[in-house]
């Protein structure tokens, strides 16, 4: 079963891995890539990742698949 996990940038500049509906982070990583790796090890093959910069396909207040 694929877990629904989200990766969000925190005010401190690092990245939190959270489960759906969770208020607390399951894990924290210094980089977005490391947070994605942690989420995959936790059972999410395709976590939702918060955009942190402007791109051709999105802006910071949107989500993307890892």
PDB file of N, CA and C in Angstrom:
ATOM      1  N   UNK A   1       0.841  -1.187   0.000  1.00  0.00           N
ATOM      2  CA  UNK A   1       0.000   0.000   0.000  1.00  0.00           C
ATOM      3  C   UNK A   1       0.881   1.243   0.000  1.00  0.00           C
ATOM      4  N   UNK A   2       0.561   2.194  -0.834  1.00  0.00           N
ATOM      5  CA  UNK A   2       1.341   3.426  -0.968  1.00  0.00           C
ATOM      6  C   UNK A   2       0.841   4.462   0.041  1.00  0.00           C
ATOM      7  N   UNK A   3       1.735   4.918   0.909  1.00  0.00           N
ATOM      8  CA  UNK A   3       1.374   5.927   1.900  1.00  0.00           C
ATOM      9  C   UNK A   3       1.273   7.302   1.242  1.00  0.00           C
ATOM     10  N   UNK A   4       0.322   8.118   1.683  1.00  0.00           N
ATOM     11  CA  UNK A   4       0.166   9.477   1.193  1.00  0.00           C
ATOM     12  C   UNK A   4       1.007  10.394   2.072  1.00  0.00           C
ATOM     13  N   UNK A   5       2.143  10.860   1.538  1.00  0.00           N
ATOM     14  CA  UNK A   5       3.043  11.733   2.283  1.00  0.00           C
ATOM     15  C   UNK A   5       3.255  13.046   1.535  1.00  0.00           C
ATOM     16  N   UNK A   6       3.504  14.088   2.311  1.00  0.00           N
ATOM     17  CA  UNK A   6       3.731  15.420   1.775  1.00  0.00           C
ATOM     18  C   UNK A   6       5.080  15.936   2.255  1.00  0.00           C
ATOM     19  N   UNK A   7       5.749  16.694   1.407  1.00  0.00           N
ATOM     20  CA  UNK A   7       7.024  17.310   1.764  1.00  0.00           C
ATOM     21  C   UNK A   7       6.837  18.818   1.691  1.00  0.00           C
ATOM     22  N   UNK A   8       7.048  19.472   2.830  1.00  0.00           N
ATOM     23  CA  UNK A   8       6.838  20.911   2.927  1.00  0.00           C
ATOM     24  C   UNK A   8       8.102  21.603   3.421  1.00  0.00           C
ATOM     25  N   UNK A   9       8.332  22.793   2.911  1.00  0.00           N
ATOM     26  CA  UNK A   9       9.455  23.601   3.407  1.00  0.00           C
ATOM     27  C   UNK A   9       9.037  24.261   4.712  1.00  0.00           C
ATOM     28  N   UNK A  10       9.903  24.198   5.709  1.00  0.00           N
ATOM     29  CA  UNK A  10       9.614  24.807   7.003  1.00  0.00           C
ATOM     30  C   UNK A  10      10.233  26.204   7.072  1.00  0.00           C
ATOM     31  N   UNK A  11       9.795  26.995   8.023  1.00  0.00           N
ATOM     32  CA  UNK A  11      10.325  28.359   8.207  1.00  0.00           C
ATOM     33  C   UNK A  11      11.828  28.347   8.454  1.00  0.00           C
ATOM     34  N   UNK A  12      12.336  27.280   9.054  1.00  0.00           N
ATOM     35  CA  UNK A  12      13.756  27.167   9.352  1.00  0.00           C
ATOM     36  C   UNK A  12      14.584  26.903   8.098  1.00  0.00           C
ATOM     37  N   UNK A  13      13.919  26.613   6.955  1.00  0.00           N
ATOM     38  CA  UNK A  13      14.624  26.375   5.709  1.00  0.00           C
ATOM     39  C   UNK A  13      14.851  24.910   5.385  1.00  0.00           C
ATOM     40  N   UNK A  14      14.515  24.027   6.327  1.00  0.00           N
ATOM     41  CA  UNK A  14      14.637  22.595   6.037  1.00  0.00           C
ATOM     42  C   UNK A  14      13.281  22.064   5.569  1.00  0.00           C
ATOM     43  N   UNK A  15      13.161  20.744   5.411  1.00  0.00           N
ATOM     44  CA  UNK A  15      11.961  20.152   4.813  1.00  0.00           C
ATOM     45  C   UNK A  15      11.356  19.091   5.724  1.00  0.00           C
ATOM     46  N   UNK A  16      10.043  19.175   5.908  1.00  0.00           N
ATOM     47  CA  UNK A  16       9.310  18.233   6.747  1.00  0.00           C
ATOM     48  C   UNK A  16       8.606  17.196   5.875  1.00  0.00           C
ATOM     49  N   UNK A  17       8.619  15.952   6.327  1.00  0.00           N
ATOM     50  CA  UNK A  17       7.856  14.880   5.693  1.00  0.00           C
ATOM     51  C   UNK A  17       6.668  14.616   6.607  1.00  0.00           C
ATOM     52  N   UNK A  18       5.452  14.812   6.086  1.00  0.00           N
ATOM     53  CA  UNK A  18       4.246  14.660   6.893  1.00  0.00           C
ATOM     54  C   UNK A  18       3.280  13.676   6.249  1.00  0.00           C
ATOM     55  N   UNK A  19       2.557  12.972   7.094  1.00  0.00           N
ATOM     56  CA  UNK A  19       1.481  12.116   6.617  1.00  0.00           C
ATOM     57  C   UNK A  19       0.233  12.962   6.387  1.00  0.00           C
ATOM     58  N   UNK A  20      -0.686  12.467   5.590  1.00  0.00           N
ATOM     59  CA  UNK A  20      -1.941  13.182   5.320  1.00  0.00           C
ATOM     60  C   UNK A  20      -2.681  13.428   6.637  1.00  0.00           C
ATOM     61  N   UNK A  21      -3.067  14.668   6.886  1.00  0.00           N
ATOM     62  CA  UNK A  21      -3.804  15.040   8.081  1.00  0.00           C
ATOM     63  C   UNK A  21      -2.965  15.170   9.345  1.00  0.00           C
ATOM     64  N   UNK A  22      -1.677  14.995   9.241  1.00  0.00           N
ATOM     65  CA  UNK A  22      -0.795  15.057  10.396  1.00  0.00           C
ATOM     66  C   UNK A  22      -0.363  16.493  10.686  1.00  0.00           C
ATOM     67  N   UNK A  23      -0.331  16.856  11.963  1.00  0.00           N
ATOM     68  CA  UNK A  23       0.135  18.188  12.351  1.00  0.00           C
ATOM     69  C   UNK A  23       1.649  18.211  12.580  1.00  0.00           C
ATOM     70  N   UNK A  24       2.204  17.067  12.946  1.00  0.00           N
ATOM     71  CA  UNK A  24       3.636  16.980  13.226  1.00  0.00           C
ATOM     72  C   UNK A  24       4.351  16.248  12.107  1.00  0.00           C
ATOM     73  N   UNK A  25       5.593  16.627  11.906  1.00  0.00           N
ATOM     74  CA  UNK A  25       6.407  15.984  10.874  1.00  0.00           C
ATOM     75  C   UNK A  25       6.832  14.594  11.330  1.00  0.00           C
ATOM     76  N   UNK A  26       6.808  13.652  10.404  1.00  0.00           N
ATOM     77  CA  UNK A  26       7.317  12.307  10.676  1.00  0.00           C
ATOM     78  C   UNK A  26       8.836  12.305  10.613  1.00  0.00           C
ATOM     79  N   UNK A  27       9.385  13.202   9.784  1.00  0.00           N
ATOM     80  CA  UNK A  27      10.837  13.314   9.629  1.00  0.00           C
ATOM     81  C   UNK A  27      11.157  14.716   9.121  1.00  0.00           C
ATOM     82  N   UNK A  28      12.390  15.148   9.344  1.00  0.00           N
ATOM     83  CA  UNK A  28      12.869  16.444   8.864  1.00  0.00           C
ATOM     84  C   UNK A  28      14.210  16.213   8.183  1.00  0.00           C
ATOM     85  N   UNK A  29      14.410  16.866   7.027  1.00  0.00           N
ATOM     86  CA  UNK A  29      15.663  16.726   6.280  1.00  0.00           C
ATOM     87  C   UNK A  29      16.165  18.114   5.875  1.00  0.00           C
ATOM     88  N   UNK A  30      17.478  18.258   5.720  1.00  0.00           N
ATOM     89  CA  UNK A  30      18.033  19.568   5.361  1.00  0.00           C
ATOM     90  C   UNK A  30      17.746  19.985   3.920  1.00  0.00           C
ATOM     91  N   UNK A  31      17.515  19.020   3.027  1.00  0.00           N
ATOM     92  CA  UNK A  31      17.241  19.355   1.622  1.00  0.00           C
ATOM     93  C   UNK A  31      15.964  18.661   1.160  1.00  0.00           C
ATOM     94  N   UNK A  32      15.379  19.209   0.098  1.00  0.00           N
ATOM     95  CA  UNK A  32      14.173  18.632  -0.472  1.00  0.00           C
ATOM     96  C   UNK A  32      14.439  17.229  -1.018  1.00  0.00           C
ATOM     97  N   UNK A  33      15.578  17.026  -1.662  1.00  0.00           N
ATOM     98  CA  UNK A  33      15.911  15.721  -2.217  1.00  0.00           C
ATOM     99  C   UNK A  33      16.031  14.666  -1.116  1.00  0.00           C
ATOM    100  N   UNK A  34      16.656  15.027  -0.003  1.00  0.00           N
ATOM    101  CA  UNK A  34      16.770  14.078   1.103  1.00  0.00           C
ATOM    102  C   UNK A  34      15.399  13.764   1.692  1.00  0.00           C
ATOM    103  N   UNK A  35      14.517  14.761   1.757  1.00  0.00           N
ATOM    104  CA  UNK A  35      13.158  14.535   2.262  1.00  0.00           C
ATOM    105  C   UNK A  35      12.391  13.587   1.336  1.00  0.00           C
ATOM    106  N   UNK A  36      12.584  13.718   0.028  1.00  0.00           N
ATOM    107  CA  UNK A  36      11.939  12.811  -0.934  1.00  0.00           C
ATOM    108  C   UNK A  36      12.444  11.385  -0.719  1.00  0.00           C
ATOM    109  N   UNK A  37      13.743  11.227  -0.517  1.00  0.00           N
ATOM    110  CA  UNK A  37      14.311   9.891  -0.271  1.00  0.00           C
ATOM    111  C   UNK A  37      13.729   9.275   1.001  1.00  0.00           C
ATOM    112  N   UNK A  38      13.598  10.078   2.048  1.00  0.00           N
ATOM    113  CA  UNK A  38      13.022   9.597   3.305  1.00  0.00           C
ATOM    114  C   UNK A  38      11.573   9.168   3.086  1.00  0.00           C
ATOM    115  N   UNK A  39      10.798   9.978   2.375  1.00  0.00           N
ATOM    116  CA  UNK A  39       9.392   9.659   2.111  1.00  0.00           C
ATOM    117  C   UNK A  39       9.269   8.343   1.347  1.00  0.00           C
ATOM    118  N   UNK A  40      10.154   8.124   0.405  1.00  0.00           N
ATOM    119  CA  UNK A  40      10.125   6.863  -0.357  1.00  0.00           C
ATOM    120  C   UNK A  40      10.473   5.677   0.530  1.00  0.00           C
ATOM    121  N   UNK A  41      11.427   5.854   1.443  1.00  0.00           N
ATOM    122  CA  UNK A  41      11.764   4.773   2.377  1.00  0.00           C
ATOM    123  C   UNK A  41      10.612   4.498   3.344  1.00  0.00           C
ATOM    124  N   UNK A  42       9.790   5.519   3.604  1.00  0.00           N
ATOM    125  CA  UNK A  42       8.651   5.365   4.510  1.00  0.00           C
ATOM    126  C   UNK A  42       7.448   4.734   3.813  1.00  0.00           C
ATOM    127  N   UNK A  43       7.535   4.486   2.514  1.00  0.00           N
ATOM    128  CA  UNK A  43       6.455   3.780   1.832  1.00  0.00           C
ATOM    129  C   UNK A  43       5.668   4.580   0.823  1.00  0.00           C
ATOM    130  N   UNK A  44       6.101   5.769   0.487  1.00  0.00           N
ATOM    131  CA  UNK A  44       5.411   6.574  -0.522  1.00  0.00           C
ATOM    132  C   UNK A  44       6.238   6.583  -1.801  1.00  0.00           C
ATOM    133  N   UNK A  45       5.729   5.951  -2.837  1.00  0.00           N
ATOM    134  CA  UNK A  45       6.487   5.898  -4.086  1.00  0.00           C
ATOM    135  C   UNK A  45       6.447   7.227  -4.833  1.00  0.00           C
ATOM    136  N   UNK A  46       5.452   8.063  -4.547  1.00  0.00           N
ATOM    137  CA  UNK A  46       5.287   9.315  -5.273  1.00  0.00           C
ATOM    138  C   UNK A  46       4.747  10.403  -4.339  1.00  0.00           C
ATOM    139  N   UNK A  47       5.555  10.916  -3.406  1.00  0.00           N
ATOM    140  CA  UNK A  47       5.046  11.916  -2.453  1.00  0.00           C
ATOM    141  C   UNK A  47       4.725  13.249  -3.134  1.00  0.00           C
ATOM    142  N   UNK A  48       3.813  13.996  -2.513  1.00  0.00           N
ATOM    143  CA  UNK A  48       3.499  15.343  -2.986  1.00  0.00           C
ATOM    144  C   UNK A  48       4.531  16.299  -2.406  1.00  0.00           C
ATOM    145  N   UNK A  49       5.117  17.131  -3.272  1.00  0.00           N
ATOM    146  CA  UNK A  49       6.190  18.029  -2.862  1.00  0.00           C
ATOM    147  C   UNK A  49       5.749  19.474  -3.085  1.00  0.00           C
ATOM    148  N   UNK A  50       5.912  20.296  -2.053  1.00  0.00           N
ATOM    149  CA  UNK A  50       5.581  21.714  -2.163  1.00  0.00           C
ATOM    150  C   UNK A  50       6.599  22.398  -3.079  1.00  0.00           C
ATOM    151  N   UNK A  51       6.096  23.167  -4.044  1.00  0.00           N
ATOM    152  CA  UNK A  51       7.006  23.939  -4.900  1.00  0.00           C
ATOM    153  C   UNK A  51       7.610  25.072  -4.076  1.00  0.00           C
ATOM    154  N   UNK A  52       8.906  25.315  -4.256  1.00  0.00           N
ATOM    155  CA  UNK A  52       9.578  26.364  -3.489  1.00  0.00           C
ATOM    156  C   UNK A  52      10.127  27.466  -4.385  1.00  0.00           C
ATOM    157  N   UNK A  53       9.905  27.350  -5.680  1.00  0.00           N
ATOM    158  CA  UNK A  53      10.359  28.411  -6.592  1.00  0.00           C
ATOM    159  C   UNK A  53       9.444  28.467  -7.803  1.00  0.00           C
ATOM    160  N   UNK A  54       9.560  29.547  -8.559  1.00  0.00           N
ATOM    161  CA  UNK A  54       8.774  29.703  -9.784  1.00  0.00           C
ATOM    162  C   UNK A  54       9.418  28.899 -10.913  1.00  0.00           C
ATOM    163  N   UNK A  55       8.581  28.179 -11.662  1.00  0.00           N
ATOM    164  CA  UNK A  55       9.051  27.418 -12.820  1.00  0.00           C
ATOM    165  C   UNK A  55       8.093  27.661 -13.984  1.00  0.00           C
ATOM    166  N   UNK A  56       8.369  27.067 -15.104  1.00  0.00           N
ATOM    167  CA  UNK A  56       7.488  27.194 -16.263  1.00  0.00           C
ATOM    168  C   UNK A  56       6.128  26.550 -16.016  1.00  0.00           C
ATOM    169  N   UNK A  57       6.082  25.558 -15.148  1.00  0.00           N
ATOM    170  CA  UNK A  57       4.836  24.823 -14.921  1.00  0.00           C
ATOM    171  C   UNK A  57       4.189  25.085 -13.567  1.00  0.00           C
ATOM    172  N   UNK A  58       4.750  25.943 -12.744  1.00  0.00           N
ATOM    173  CA  UNK A  58       4.134  26.195 -11.453  1.00  0.00           C
ATOM    174  C   UNK A  58       4.810  27.293 -10.668  1.00  0.00           C
ATOM    175  N   UNK A  59       4.185  27.602  -9.541  1.00  0.00           N
ATOM    176  CA  UNK A  59       4.709  28.641  -8.655  1.00  0.00           C
ATOM    177  C   UNK A  59       4.749  28.092  -7.233  1.00  0.00           C
ATOM    178  N   UNK A  60       5.350  28.805  -6.297  1.00  0.00           N
ATOM    179  CA  UNK A  60       5.586  28.268  -4.959  1.00  0.00           C
ATOM    180  C   UNK A  60       4.355  27.803  -4.160  1.00  0.00           C
ATOM    181  N   UNK A  61       3.188  28.286  -4.434  1.00  0.00           N
ATOM    182  CA  UNK A  61       2.028  27.860  -3.633  1.00  0.00           C
ATOM    183  C   UNK A  61       1.308  26.648  -4.218  1.00  0.00           C
ATOM    184  N   UNK A  62       2.000  25.861  -5.042  1.00  0.00           N
ATOM    185  CA  UNK A  62       1.401  24.683  -5.656  1.00  0.00           C
ATOM    186  C   UNK A  62       2.192  23.438  -5.249  1.00  0.00           C
ATOM    187  N   UNK A  63       1.628  22.261  -5.581  1.00  0.00           N
ATOM    188  CA  UNK A  63       2.254  20.976  -5.262  1.00  0.00           C
ATOM    189  C   UNK A  63       2.622  20.257  -6.543  1.00  0.00           C
ATOM    190  N   UNK A  64       3.629  19.397  -6.455  1.00  0.00           N
ATOM    191  CA  UNK A  64       4.023  18.570  -7.591  1.00  0.00           C
ATOM    192  C   UNK A  64       4.297  17.169  -7.083  1.00  0.00           C
ATOM    193  N   UNK A  65       4.324  16.217  -7.991  1.00  0.00           N
ATOM    194  CA  UNK A  65       4.677  14.842  -7.643  1.00  0.00           C
ATOM    195  C   UNK A  65       6.194  14.695  -7.733  1.00  0.00           C
ATOM    196  N   UNK A  66       6.776  13.953  -6.801  1.00  0.00           N
ATOM    197  CA  UNK A  66       8.236  13.738  -6.814  1.00  0.00           C
ATOM    198  C   UNK A  66       8.617  12.748  -7.881  1.00  0.00           C
TER     199      UNK A  66
END
